[in-house]
C-alpha atoms as a PDB file:
ATOM      1  CA  MET A   1      -5.270  36.485  28.725  1.00  0.00           C
ATOM      2  CA  ARG A   2      -4.625  33.028  29.430  1.00  0.00           C
ATOM      3  CA  TYR A   3      -8.182  31.879  28.486  1.00  0.00           C
ATOM      4  CA  LEU A   4      -7.921  34.118  25.084  1.00  0.00           C
ATOM      5  CA  SER A   5      -4.876  32.139  24.040  1.00  0.00           C
ATOM      6  CA  LEU A   6      -6.473  28.704  24.760  1.00  0.00           C
ATOM      7  CA  VAL A   7      -9.457  29.832  22.712  1.00  0.00           C
ATOM      8  CA  PHE A   8      -7.247  30.719  19.563  1.00  0.00           C
ATOM      9  CA  PHE A   9      -5.402  27.666  20.201  1.00  0.00           C
ATOM     10  CA  VAL A  10      -8.966  25.394  20.031  1.00  0.00           C
ATOM     11  CA  LEU A  11     -10.300  27.968  16.904  1.00  0.00           C
ATOM     12  CA  THR A  12      -7.088  27.500  15.031  1.00  0.00           C
ATOM     13  CA  GLY A  13      -6.584  23.875  15.751  1.00  0.00           C
ATOM     14  CA  SER A  14     -10.225  23.361  14.495  1.00  0.00           C
ATOM     15  CA  ILE A  15      -9.584  25.521  11.147  1.00  0.00           C
ATOM     16  CA  CYS A  16      -6.596  23.269  10.469  1.00  0.00           C
ATOM     17  CA  ALA A  17      -8.393  20.196  10.995  1.00  0.00           C
ATOM     18  CA  ILE A  18     -11.179  21.615   8.504  1.00  0.00           C
ATOM     19  CA  GLY A  19      -9.138  22.508   5.735  1.00  0.00           C
ATOM     20  CA  ARG A  20      -6.975  19.487   5.285  1.00  0.00           C
ATOM     21  CA  PRO A  21      -7.548  15.583   6.144  1.00  0.00           C
ATOM     22  CA  GLY A  22      -5.403  14.048   9.295  1.00  0.00           C
ATOM     23  CA  PRO A  23      -4.659  10.490   9.519  1.00  0.00           C
ATOM     24  CA  ASP A  24      -7.730  10.446  12.192  1.00  0.00           C
ATOM     25  CA  ASP A  25     -10.094  11.599   9.167  1.00  0.00           C
ATOM     26  CA  LEU A  26      -9.385   8.395   6.921  1.00  0.00           C
ATOM     27  CA  LYS A  27     -11.058   5.246   6.900  1.00  0.00           C
ATOM     28  CA  LEU A  28      -9.684   2.041   7.028  1.00  0.00           C
ATOM     29  CA  PHE A  29     -10.302  -0.595   4.159  1.00  0.00           C
ATOM     30  CA  LYS A  30      -9.192  -3.955   5.135  1.00  0.00           C
ATOM     31  CA  ALA A  31      -7.046  -6.176   2.994  1.00  0.00           C
ATOM     32  CA  ASP A  32     -10.268  -8.189   2.194  1.00  0.00           C
ATOM     33  CA  ASP A  33     -12.238  -5.290   0.275  1.00  0.00           C
ATOM     34  CA  PRO A  34     -13.109  -6.650  -2.587  1.00  0.00           C
ATOM     35  CA  ARG A  35     -12.228  -3.323  -4.292  1.00  0.00           C
ATOM     36  CA  ILE A  36      -8.202  -4.028  -3.641  1.00  0.00           C
ATOM     37  CA  GLN A  37      -6.978  -6.810  -6.375  1.00  0.00           C
ATOM     38  CA  TYR A  38      -3.986  -9.073  -5.872  1.00  0.00           C
ATOM     39  CA  TYR A  39      -1.699 -10.327  -8.540  1.00  0.00           C
ATOM     40  CA  GLY A  40       0.667 -13.415  -8.102  1.00  0.00           C
ATOM     41  CA  ARG A  41       1.362 -15.447  -5.497  1.00  0.00           C
ATOM     42  CA  ILE A  42      -0.241 -14.848  -2.248  1.00  0.00           C
ATOM     43  CA  ASP A  43      -0.870 -16.926   0.983  1.00  0.00           C
ATOM     44  CA  ASN A  44      -4.579 -16.368   1.432  1.00  0.00           C
ATOM     45  CA  SER A  45      -5.041 -18.836   4.183  1.00  0.00           C
ATOM     46  CA  ASN A  46      -6.220 -15.685   6.390  1.00  0.00           C
ATOM     47  CA  PRO A  47      -7.894 -13.491   3.568  1.00  0.00           C
ATOM     48  CA  SER A  48      -8.092 -10.431   6.173  1.00  0.00           C
ATOM     49  CA  VAL A  49      -4.238 -10.632   6.010  1.00  0.00           C
ATOM     50  CA  PRO A  50      -2.553 -11.970   2.831  1.00  0.00           C
ATOM     51  CA  ARG A  51       0.877 -12.795   3.158  1.00  0.00           C
ATOM     52  CA  ILE A  52       3.233 -12.121   0.706  1.00  0.00           C
ATOM     53  CA  TRP A  53       6.653 -13.814  -0.010  1.00  0.00           C
ATOM     54  CA  ALA A  54       7.355 -13.578  -3.532  1.00  0.00           C
ATOM     55  CA  PRO A  55       8.953 -10.693  -5.473  1.00  0.00           C
ATOM     56  CA  GLY A  56       7.119  -9.118  -8.136  1.00  0.00           C
ATOM     57  CA  VAL A  57       3.729  -9.554  -6.318  1.00  0.00           C
ATOM     58  CA  TYR A  58       1.676  -6.716  -6.447  1.00  0.00           C
ATOM     59  CA  ILE A  59      -1.773  -4.931  -4.958  1.00  0.00           C
ATOM     60  CA  VAL A  60      -3.705  -2.407  -6.759  1.00  0.00           C
ATOM     61  CA  ALA A  61      -6.353   0.129  -5.594  1.00  0.00           C
ATOM     62  CA  LYS A  62      -7.825   3.117  -6.587  1.00  0.00           C
ATOM     63  CA  PHE A  63      -8.980   5.877  -4.091  1.00  0.00           C
ATOM     64  CA  LYS A  64     -10.640   9.242  -4.062  1.00  0.00           C
ATOM     65  CA  GLY A  65      -8.712  12.310  -2.081  1.00  0.00           C
ATOM     66  CA  PRO A  66      -5.361  13.766  -1.232  1.00  0.00           C
ATOM     67  CA  LYS A  67      -4.259  11.277   1.237  1.00  0.00           C
ATOM     68  CA  CYS A  68      -3.799   7.677   1.318  1.00  0.00           C
ATOM     69  CA  GLN A  69      -1.732   5.411   3.398  1.00  0.00           C
ATOM     70  CA  VAL A  70      -0.611   1.847   3.548  1.00  0.00           C
ATOM     71  CA  LEU A  71      -0.715  -0.877   6.196  1.00  0.00           C
ATOM     72  CA  ILE A  72       1.860  -3.282   5.682  1.00  0.00           C
ATOM     73  CA  ASN A  73       3.483  -5.561   8.256  1.00  0.00           C
ATOM     74  CA  ASP A  74       6.935  -6.787   7.905  1.00  0.00           C
ATOM     75  CA  GLU A  75       8.684 -10.085   9.143  1.00  0.00           C
ATOM     76  CA  ALA A  76      11.524  -7.856   9.753  1.00  0.00           C
ATOM     77  CA  GLY A  77      13.989 -10.658  10.491  1.00  0.00           C
ATOM     78  CA  GLY A  78      17.014  -8.850  12.122  1.00  0.00           C
ATOM     79  CA  ALA A  79      18.478  -6.329  10.214  1.00  0.00           C
ATOM     80  CA  ASN A  80      16.674  -7.273   6.986  1.00  0.00           C
ATOM     81  CA  HIS A  81      13.762  -5.496   5.853  1.00  0.00           C
ATOM     82  CA  ASN A  82      11.754  -5.937   2.894  1.00  0.00           C
ATOM     83  CA  TYR A  83      11.523  -2.874  -0.243  1.00  0.00           C
ATOM     84  CA  LEU A  84       8.405  -1.980  -1.916  1.00  0.00           C
ATOM     85  CA  GLU A  85       8.148  -0.071  -4.944  1.00  0.00           C
ATOM     86  CA  ILE A  86       4.721   2.074  -4.891  1.00  0.00           C
ATOM     87  CA  VAL A  87       3.568   3.902  -8.443  1.00  0.00           C
ATOM     88  CA  ILE A  88       0.664   6.373  -8.022  1.00  0.00           C
ATOM     89  CA  ASP A  89      -1.262   6.960 -11.111  1.00  0.00           C
ATOM     90  CA  GLY A  90       1.158   5.187 -13.099  1.00  0.00           C
ATOM     91  CA  LYS A  91       3.729   7.989 -12.928  1.00  0.00           C
ATOM     92  CA  ASP A  92       7.146   7.806 -11.285  1.00  0.00           C
ATOM     93  CA  PRO A  93       7.686   4.768  -9.225  1.00  0.00           C
ATOM     94  CA  TYR A  94       9.759   5.146  -5.891  1.00  0.00           C
ATOM     95  CA  ARG A  95      11.183   2.625  -3.504  1.00  0.00           C
ATOM     96  CA  ILE A  96      10.983   2.517   0.024  1.00  0.00           C
ATOM     97  CA  LYS A  97      12.523   0.416   2.919  1.00  0.00           C
ATOM     98  CA  LEU A  98      10.023  -1.199   5.445  1.00  0.00           C
ATOM     99  CA  THR A  99      11.951  -0.148   8.721  1.00  0.00           C
ATOM    100  CA  GLN A 100       9.277  -1.289  11.676  1.00  0.00           C
ATOM    101  CA  LYS A 101       7.410  -4.390  11.838  1.00  0.00           C
ATOM    102  CA  GLU A 102       4.271  -2.632  11.553  1.00  0.00           C
ATOM    103  CA  ASN A 103       4.524   0.389   8.881  1.00  0.00           C
ATOM    104  CA  VAL A 104       2.024   3.097   8.195  1.00  0.00           C
ATOM    105  CA  LEU A 105       3.275   4.652   4.839  1.00  0.00           C
ATOM    106  CA  ASP A 106       2.017   8.001   3.643  1.00  0.00           C
ATOM    107  CA  VAL A 107       1.604   7.744  -0.342  1.00  0.00           C
ATOM    108  CA  ARG A 108       3.141  10.457  -2.122  1.00  0.00           C
ATOM    109  CA  GLU A 109       2.132  13.696  -0.659  1.00  0.00           C
ATOM    110  CA  GLY A 110       0.463  16.865  -2.865  1.00  0.00           C
ATOM    111  CA  LEU A 111      -2.092  14.785  -4.666  1.00  0.00           C
ATOM    112  CA  SER A 112      -5.329  16.525  -5.880  1.00  0.00           C
ATOM    113  CA  ASP A 113      -8.519  15.806  -4.133  1.00  0.00           C
ATOM    114  CA  GLY A 114      -9.624  13.308  -7.076  1.00  0.00           C
ATOM    115  CA  GLU A 115      -8.950   9.912  -8.004  1.00  0.00           C
ATOM    116  CA  HIS A 116      -5.894   8.254  -7.952  1.00  0.00           C
ATOM    117  CA  THR A 117      -4.569   4.643  -8.419  1.00  0.00           C
ATOM    118  CA  VAL A 118      -1.847   3.114  -6.202  1.00  0.00           C
ATOM    119  CA  LEU A 119       0.230   0.163  -6.611  1.00  0.00           C
ATOM    120  CA  ILE A 120       2.400  -1.592  -4.120  1.00  0.00           C
ATOM    121  CA  CYS A 121       4.912  -4.322  -5.280  1.00  0.00           C
ATOM    122  CA  LYS A 122       7.035  -6.585  -3.139  1.00  0.00           C
ATOM    123  CA  ASP A 123      10.947  -5.829  -4.475  1.00  0.00           C
ATOM    124  CA  THR A 124      12.516  -7.907  -2.209  1.00  0.00           C
ATOM    125  CA  GLU A 125      13.378 -11.854  -2.329  1.00  0.00           C
ATOM    126  CA  SER A 126      11.625 -14.169  -0.455  1.00  0.00           C
ATOM    127  CA  ASN A 127      14.719 -15.171   1.869  1.00  0.00           C
ATOM    128  CA  ILE A 128      14.258 -11.344   3.292  1.00  0.00           C
ATOM    129  CA  GLY A 129      10.900 -12.403   4.611  1.00  0.00           C
ATOM    130  CA  TYR A 130       7.382 -12.163   4.117  1.00  0.00           C
ATOM    131  CA  ILE A 131       5.181  -8.920   4.390  1.00  0.00           C
ATOM    132  CA  ASP A 132       1.542  -9.131   5.450  1.00  0.00           C
ATOM    133  CA  PHE A 133      -1.013  -6.707   4.181  1.00  0.00           C
ATOM    134  CA  ILE A 134      -3.293  -5.423   6.355  1.00  0.00           C
ATOM    135  CA  GLY A 135      -5.205  -2.611   4.348  1.00  0.00           C
ATOM    136  CA  PHE A 136      -5.438   0.884   2.943  1.00  0.00           C
ATOM    137  CA  LYS A 137      -6.582   4.432   4.991  1.00  0.00           C
ATOM    138  CA  CYS A 138      -8.262   7.077   2.565  1.00  0.00           C
ATOM    139  CA  GLU A 139     -11.010   8.851   2.421  1.00  0.00           C
ATOM    140  CA  LYS A 140     -12.723   6.426  -0.052  1.00  0.00           C
ATOM    141  CA  LEU A 141     -11.912   3.145  -1.879  1.00  0.00           C
ATOM    142  CA  LEU A 142     -13.377   3.306  -5.386  1.00  0.00           C
ATOM    143  CA  SER A 143     -13.810   0.181  -7.907  1.00  0.00           C
ATOM    144  CA  LEU A 144     -11.065  -0.967 -10.208  1.00  0.00           C
ATOM    145  CA  PRO A 145     -12.110  -2.233 -13.627  1.00  0.00           C
ATOM    146  CA  ALA A 146     -12.419  -5.981 -13.405  1.00  0.00           C
ATOM    147  CA  LYS A 147      -9.603  -8.113 -14.119  1.00  0.00           C
ATOM    148  CA  PRO A 148      -8.953  -9.925 -17.287  1.00  0.00           C
ATOM    149  CA  LYS A 149     -10.461 -13.477 -17.703  1.00  0.00           C
ATOM    150  CA  ARG A 150      -7.689 -14.750 -19.657  1.00  0.00           C
ATOM    151  CA  LYS A 151      -4.134 -14.620 -18.623  1.00  0.00           C
ATOM    152  CA  ILE A 152      -0.446 -16.140 -18.866  1.00  0.00           C
ATOM    153  CA  GLU A 153       1.510 -16.939 -16.088  1.00  0.00           C
ATOM    154  CA  TYR A 154       5.413 -17.223 -16.441  1.00  0.00           C
ATOM    155  CA  PHE A 155       7.585 -19.057 -13.872  1.00  0.00           C
ATOM    156  CA  GLY A 156      11.425 -18.094 -14.000  1.00  0.00           C
ATOM    157  CA  ASP A 157      13.992 -19.560 -12.239  1.00  0.00           C
ATOM    158  CA  SER A 158      17.856 -18.483 -11.245  1.00  0.00           C
ATOM    159  CA  ILE A 159      18.847 -18.534 -14.821  1.00  0.00           C
ATOM    160  CA  THR A 160      15.884 -16.669 -16.370  1.00  0.00           C
ATOM    161  CA  SER A 161      15.220 -14.534 -13.675  1.00  0.00           C
ATOM    162  CA  ASP A 162      18.339 -13.807 -12.158  1.00  0.00           C
ATOM    163  CA  ASN A 163      17.758 -14.891  -8.774  1.00  0.00           C
ATOM    164  CA  GLY A 164      15.464 -17.046  -7.195  1.00  0.00           C
ATOM    165  CA  MET A 165      11.511 -18.102  -8.503  1.00  0.00           C
ATOM    166  CA  ILE A 166       9.440 -15.233  -9.936  1.00  0.00           C
ATOM    167  CA  SER A 167       6.462 -15.437 -11.591  1.00  0.00           C
ATOM    168  CA  ILE A 168       4.972 -12.771 -14.258  1.00  0.00           C
ATOM    169  CA  THR A 169       1.429 -12.621 -15.267  1.00  0.00           C
ATOM    170  CA  LEU A 170       0.531 -11.548 -18.428  1.00  0.00           C
ATOM    171  CA  ILE A 171      -2.678 -10.589 -20.514  1.00  0.00           C
END
């Protein structure tokens, strides 16, 4: 009887693993992957771990599959943690507070098996601390359209942007 229960558990686990991709089925795409686009002021002194201080800086990637994870380290100074804004397919942005030094964030549940675009934006001021972007875990990372060749960058101060310094890149 004990042997039969063990076999059933193993078979059930196999069926679940086949039917739904788990975190171990996802491939890591590091931050220096050329299919990931960055916008704003970024410290690229270590291209494999870009550091972001300024609010409004964002990262964009396109992936295939129903699941994607974002790997981000937070400076996590004391009680202060950074907030991120996450947008999937240009719809329903949501805000998330980082809670650990090393964070693995699942983007929205219930995505279709098709192609999706994810945008991650740092929402908190520079004095809260930096975030280090480590990469994405997903089934497949896809290429985005090329960035525009021409752009205008606007720098604001505490009078024009309410607090701190912000840069906005326009096409």
